Amino acid sequence: MLLLGSSPLLIQTGLTESLAGRFEVIYAPHWCFAEMREAFGWDLDRYLYFRAYPGAADLIAEPERWRRYIVDSLIETTISRDVLLLRRVDKPALLRRLFYLGCMYSGQILSYQKMLGQLHDAGNTVTLAHYLDLLRGAGMVAGLSKYVHGQVRQRGSSPKLQVLNTALITAQSGLSMNEARNDADCWGRLVDSCVGAHLLNSTMGSDIVVSYWRDRNLEVDFVLHRGKTVVGIEVKSGRRRESMSGMEAFAKLFKPRRVLLVGGQGISLEEFLSQPAEYWLQ
């Protein structure tokens, strides 16, 4: 029996009980740059802005219609039906606000306590961590953990918020593609988020862990970790003053297999997005 569908949470519900372990899960994540380029002829700028919902690809000539499709048909349907109806959520309003916060601060490290202050809710950090897991399972927003000494610290570290599709940001931004392209901070944020989303989607269902590293004011944007193999990734998006001191400190401390610079004088963004995360671990 082969089960297909666009709702991961729906398929997972009761799967282990009803099939008693006699199944294989094959993940179908958001479409990658190579797939959107081959199917629709998109260049890099279109991919960064409109990202990877193939059902909405024919609507990009009508930006307002495209935005309504993303918000009404995808975001609202996923939260209302795929998450709230299929999982126990004691604070649905908190989960919704957490989703919007994840889109607003995608690519940034935000402590759970700071998130609670932004959300103005009586929830706790355990609840927020659980809701981030639900949103990740629905293919929307994830919270990356901090990499520490050969492992990922799941508890006690502030998560790095990360959308799994940049269309979740742009559809709610109110900016056209040209306006976003001319806003260096906005475009740099899309670049950072697009790289993170690509890494998460291309490692889905594998044993590769995507995390970040930070020590005081030193930071590495992304860390790929599988077994003893570690790769550090720094994204040069132009949204901030770029420094390689974080990567240098990371390389000295952890002795990774390699460190990668994406953008600028390093690997081109188009080349990086054309390869799965596993490629860089080889």
Protein backbone atom coordinates (compact mmCIF):
# COMPACT_ATOMS: atom_id res chain seq x y z
CA MET A 1 0.00 0.00 0.00
CA LEU A 2 1.28 3.44 -0.91
CA LEU A 3 -0.07 6.47 0.96
CA LEU A 4 0.31 9.84 -0.71
CA GLY A 5 -0.74 13.27 0.43
CA SER A 6 0.26 16.85 1.19
CA SER A 7 -0.35 16.56 4.93
CA PRO A 8 2.55 14.89 6.78
CA LEU A 9 0.77 15.09 10.12
CA LEU A 10 -2.34 13.41 8.74
CA ILE A 11 -0.35 10.53 7.27
CA GLN A 12 1.64 10.09 10.48
CA THR A 13 -1.46 9.95 12.68
CA GLY A 14 -1.94 6.33 13.73
CA LEU A 15 0.62 5.06 11.25
CA THR A 16 2.80 3.21 13.75
CA GLU A 17 -0.22 1.66 15.49
CA SER A 18 -2.27 0.64 12.45
CA LEU A 19 0.61 -0.73 10.35
CA ALA A 20 2.71 -1.98 13.28
CA GLY A 21 5.99 -0.78 11.82
CA ARG A 22 5.53 -2.41 8.39
CA PHE A 23 5.98 0.73 6.34
CA GLU A 24 8.62 2.99 4.87
CA VAL A 25 8.36 6.76 5.03
CA ILE A 26 9.64 8.54 1.91
CA TYR A 27 9.73 12.27 2.51
CA ALA A 28 8.66 14.70 -0.20
CA PRO A 29 9.92 18.13 0.95
CA HIS A 30 9.48 21.52 -0.68
CA TRP A 31 10.75 21.65 -4.24
CA CYS A 32 14.39 22.63 -4.67
CA PHE A 33 15.86 25.27 -6.98
CA ALA A 34 16.84 22.73 -9.66
CA GLU A 35 13.28 21.36 -9.77
CA MET A 36 11.65 24.80 -10.04
CA ARG A 37 14.16 25.86 -12.69
CA GLU A 38 13.53 22.73 -14.75
CA ALA A 39 9.74 22.75 -14.38
CA PHE A 40 9.03 26.48 -14.68
CA GLY A 41 12.23 28.10 -15.97
CA TRP A 42 12.71 30.18 -12.82
CA ASP A 43 15.90 32.12 -12.24
CA LEU A 44 17.47 32.57 -8.80
CA ASP A 45 15.64 35.81 -7.93
CA ARG A 46 12.23 34.29 -8.63
CA TYR A 47 13.12 31.25 -6.57
CA LEU A 48 14.23 33.36 -3.61
CA TYR A 49 11.02 35.38 -3.63
CA PHE A 50 8.33 32.91 -4.77
CA ARG A 51 10.22 29.84 -3.57
CA ALA A 52 8.81 26.36 -4.09
CA TYR A 53 5.06 25.86 -4.13
CA PRO A 54 4.52 24.42 -7.65
CA GLY A 55 0.75 24.81 -7.34
CA ALA A 56 1.19 28.58 -7.08
CA ALA A 57 3.77 28.90 -9.88
CA ASP A 58 1.19 29.86 -12.51
CA LEU A 59 -0.05 32.72 -10.31
CA ILE A 60 3.17 34.75 -10.01
CA ALA A 61 2.11 37.03 -12.90
CA GLU A 62 -0.68 38.18 -10.56
CA PRO A 63 1.21 38.88 -7.29
CA GLU A 64 -1.85 39.69 -5.20
CA ARG A 65 -3.59 36.50 -6.27
CA TRP A 66 -0.39 34.57 -5.54
CA ARG A 67 -0.19 36.05 -2.03
CA ARG A 68 -3.82 35.19 -1.27
CA TYR A 69 -3.25 31.63 -2.46
CA ILE A 70 -0.24 31.20 -0.15
CA VAL A 71 -1.97 32.77 2.86
CA ASP A 72 -5.47 31.33 2.47
CA SER A 73 -4.93 27.98 0.76
CA LEU A 74 -1.59 26.98 2.27
CA ILE A 75 -0.84 28.78 5.53
CA GLU A 76 -4.36 28.92 6.95
CA THR A 77 -5.29 25.43 5.80
CA THR A 78 -2.10 23.88 7.19
CA ILE A 79 -2.45 25.52 10.60
CA SER A 80 -6.22 25.08 10.96
CA ARG A 81 -6.56 21.55 9.58
CA ASP A 82 -3.19 19.83 9.50
CA VAL A 83 -1.98 21.03 12.89
CA LEU A 84 -4.86 22.12 15.11
CA LEU A 85 -7.24 19.31 14.15
CA LEU A 86 -4.69 16.50 14.23
CA ARG A 87 -2.59 17.30 17.29
CA ARG A 88 -3.45 18.38 20.80
CA VAL A 89 -2.80 22.11 21.00
CA ASP A 90 -3.91 23.70 24.26
CA LYS A 91 -3.03 27.21 23.13
CA PRO A 92 -3.95 27.52 19.43
CA ALA A 93 -3.57 31.31 19.46
CA LEU A 94 -0.02 30.91 20.80
CA LEU A 95 0.84 28.44 18.03
CA ARG A 96 -0.44 30.85 15.39
CA ARG A 97 1.55 33.75 16.82
CA LEU A 98 4.62 31.54 17.05
CA PHE A 99 4.30 30.76 13.35
CA TYR A 100 4.15 34.44 12.44
CA LEU A 101 7.07 35.17 14.76
CA GLY A 102 9.06 32.41 13.06
CA CYS A 103 8.42 34.03 9.68
CA MET A 104 9.29 37.49 10.97
CA TYR A 105 12.54 36.43 12.62
CA SER A 106 13.60 33.65 10.25
CA GLY A 107 17.38 33.32 10.24
CA GLN A 108 17.74 34.82 13.71
CA ILE A 109 18.59 33.22 17.05
CA LEU A 110 15.87 34.01 19.57
CA SER A 111 15.71 32.75 23.14
CA TYR A 112 12.51 31.12 24.34
CA GLN A 113 12.18 33.76 27.03
CA LYS A 114 12.42 36.55 24.46
CA MET A 115 9.84 34.75 22.33
CA LEU A 116 7.46 34.58 25.29
CA GLY A 117 7.90 38.31 25.74
CA GLN A 118 7.12 38.92 22.06
CA LEU A 119 4.11 36.60 22.13
CA HIS A 120 2.58 38.09 25.32
CA ASP A 121 1.26 34.72 26.43
CA ALA A 122 1.29 32.72 29.64
CA GLY A 123 2.88 29.71 27.95
CA ASN A 124 6.25 28.23 28.86
CA THR A 125 9.42 27.27 27.02
CA VAL A 126 8.45 23.59 26.84
CA THR A 127 5.20 24.53 25.11
CA LEU A 128 7.04 26.72 22.59
CA ALA A 129 9.55 23.96 21.82
CA HIS A 130 6.67 21.50 21.29
CA TYR A 131 4.82 23.90 19.00
CA LEU A 132 7.98 24.49 16.96
CA ASP A 133 8.21 20.71 16.49
CA LEU A 134 4.61 20.65 15.25
CA LEU A 135 5.24 23.50 12.81
CA ARG A 136 8.37 21.76 11.55
CA GLY A 137 6.44 18.53 11.02
CA ALA A 138 3.94 20.50 8.94
CA GLY A 139 6.75 21.89 6.75
CA MET A 140 6.44 25.48 7.93
CA VAL A 141 8.85 26.72 10.61
CA ALA A 142 11.67 24.99 12.50
CA GLY A 143 13.88 25.87 15.43
CA LEU A 144 17.52 24.90 14.83
CA SER A 145 19.50 23.81 17.87
CA LYS A 146 23.02 24.83 18.84
CA TYR A 147 25.95 22.59 17.94
CA VAL A 148 28.21 21.87 20.90
CA HIS A 149 31.23 19.54 21.07
CA GLY A 150 30.24 16.79 18.68
CA GLN A 151 26.54 16.93 19.37
CA VAL A 152 23.53 19.20 19.10
CA ARG A 153 22.41 20.73 22.35
CA GLN A 154 18.66 20.25 22.38
CA ARG A 155 17.98 21.67 25.81
CA GLY A 156 19.10 24.95 27.26
CA SER A 157 20.03 26.60 23.94
CA SER A 158 18.17 29.32 22.11
CA PRO A 159 16.70 28.11 18.79
CA LYS A 160 17.49 29.68 15.45
CA LEU A 161 14.15 30.24 13.78
CA GLN A 162 13.98 29.00 10.22
CA VAL A 163 11.14 28.87 7.68
CA LEU A 164 11.11 25.85 5.38
CA ASN A 165 9.86 27.92 2.45
CA THR A 166 10.65 31.62 1.90
CA ALA A 167 7.23 32.12 0.29
CA LEU A 168 5.90 32.08 3.87
CA ILE A 169 7.87 35.30 4.44
CA THR A 170 7.28 37.14 1.17
CA ALA A 171 3.55 36.37 0.93
CA GLN A 172 3.04 38.16 4.25
CA SER A 173 5.58 40.97 3.76
CA GLY A 174 3.49 43.24 1.55
CA LEU A 175 6.55 43.87 -0.65
CA SER A 176 6.68 43.14 -4.37
CA MET A 177 9.65 41.21 -5.74
CA ASN A 178 11.26 44.43 -7.03
CA GLU A 179 10.73 46.18 -3.70
CA ALA A 180 12.21 43.23 -1.81
CA ARG A 181 15.13 43.03 -4.26
CA ASN A 182 15.93 46.72 -3.74
CA ASP A 183 15.82 46.39 0.05
CA ALA A 184 19.25 45.03 0.99
CA ASP A 185 18.20 43.93 4.47
CA CYS A 186 15.04 42.19 3.24
CA TRP A 187 16.82 40.45 0.37
CA GLY A 188 19.71 39.40 2.57
CA ARG A 189 17.22 37.90 4.99
CA LEU A 190 15.63 35.92 2.15
CA VAL A 191 19.06 34.65 1.09
CA ASP A 192 19.86 33.49 4.64
CA SER A 193 16.46 31.86 5.03
CA CYS A 194 16.61 30.24 1.60
CA VAL A 195 19.93 28.57 2.41
CA GLY A 196 18.59 27.29 5.74
CA ALA A 197 15.38 26.04 4.15
CA HIS A 198 17.36 24.27 1.43
CA LEU A 199 19.51 22.48 4.01
CA LEU A 200 16.52 21.38 6.09
CA ASN A 201 14.51 20.18 3.11
CA SER A 202 17.40 18.28 1.53
CA THR A 203 18.22 16.48 4.80
CA MET A 204 14.63 15.48 5.60
CA GLY A 205 14.44 11.77 6.33
CA SER A 206 18.23 11.42 6.57
CA ASP A 207 20.62 11.18 9.52
CA ILE A 208 22.16 14.57 8.74
CA VAL A 209 21.51 17.18 11.44
CA VAL A 210 21.30 20.89 10.61
CA SER A 211 22.19 23.25 13.44
CA TYR A 212 24.07 26.50 14.12
CA TRP A 213 26.97 27.52 16.34
CA ARG A 214 27.50 30.60 18.48
CA ASP A 215 29.90 31.54 21.25
CA ARG A 216 29.45 35.06 22.60
CA ASN A 217 29.73 37.31 19.51
CA LEU A 218 31.15 34.57 17.27
CA GLU A 219 28.69 32.70 15.08
CA VAL A 220 28.48 30.21 12.21
CA ASP A 221 25.23 30.35 10.26
CA PHE A 222 24.76 26.60 9.75
CA VAL A 223 26.47 23.39 10.80
CA LEU A 224 25.95 20.05 9.04
CA HIS A 225 26.66 17.09 11.29
CA ARG A 226 26.55 13.36 10.57
CA GLY A 227 28.49 11.00 12.81
CA LYS A 228 31.96 12.47 13.17
CA THR A 229 31.70 14.48 9.98
CA VAL A 230 31.12 18.19 10.52
CA VAL A 231 30.83 21.00 7.96
CA GLY A 232 30.46 24.69 8.82
CA ILE A 233 28.58 27.01 6.46
CA GLU A 234 28.70 30.80 6.46
CA VAL A 235 26.30 32.75 4.22
CA LYS A 236 27.48 36.07 2.79
CA SER A 237 24.14 37.73 2.07
CA GLY A 238 25.12 41.39 2.27
CA ARG A 239 22.55 42.17 4.97
CA ARG A 240 25.18 42.82 7.64
CA ARG A 241 28.85 43.52 8.05
CA GLU A 242 30.46 40.25 7.13
CA SER A 243 33.20 38.73 9.28
CA MET A 244 34.92 35.37 9.08
CA SER A 245 36.07 35.40 12.70
CA GLY A 246 33.23 33.07 13.73
CA MET A 247 34.17 30.53 11.07
CA GLU A 248 37.85 30.74 12.04
CA ALA A 249 37.04 30.12 15.71
CA PHE A 250 34.71 27.25 14.79
CA ALA A 251 37.35 25.60 12.59
CA LYS A 252 39.96 25.87 15.33
CA LEU A 253 37.65 24.43 17.98
CA PHE A 254 35.93 21.57 16.11
CA LYS A 255 38.29 20.71 13.22
CA PRO A 256 35.44 20.28 10.68
CA ARG A 257 35.92 18.38 7.43
CA ARG A 258 35.48 21.68 5.62
CA VAL A 259 34.09 25.16 6.03
CA LEU A 260 32.06 26.73 3.24
CA LEU A 261 31.43 30.34 2.31
CA VAL A 262 28.24 30.76 0.31
CA GLY A 263 27.97 33.98 -1.69
CA GLY A 264 30.51 36.74 -2.12
CA GLN A 265 33.89 35.29 -3.12
CA GLY A 266 32.84 31.79 -2.11
CA ILE A 267 30.47 29.25 -3.65
CA SER A 268 27.79 30.96 -5.70
CA LEU A 269 24.31 30.82 -4.22
CA GLU A 270 22.97 29.22 -7.41
CA GLU A 271 25.57 26.43 -7.25
CA PHE A 272 24.97 25.82 -3.55
CA LEU A 273 21.19 25.56 -3.97
CA SER A 274 21.67 23.14 -6.86
CA GLN A 275 23.27 20.50 -4.61
CA PRO A 276 21.71 18.61 -1.65
CA ALA A 277 23.27 19.01 1.79
CA GLU A 278 24.78 15.52 1.58
CA TYR A 279 26.96 16.64 -1.32
CA TRP A 280 28.93 18.96 0.96
CA LEU A 281 29.56 16.22 3.52
CA GLN A 282 31.32 13.95 1.03
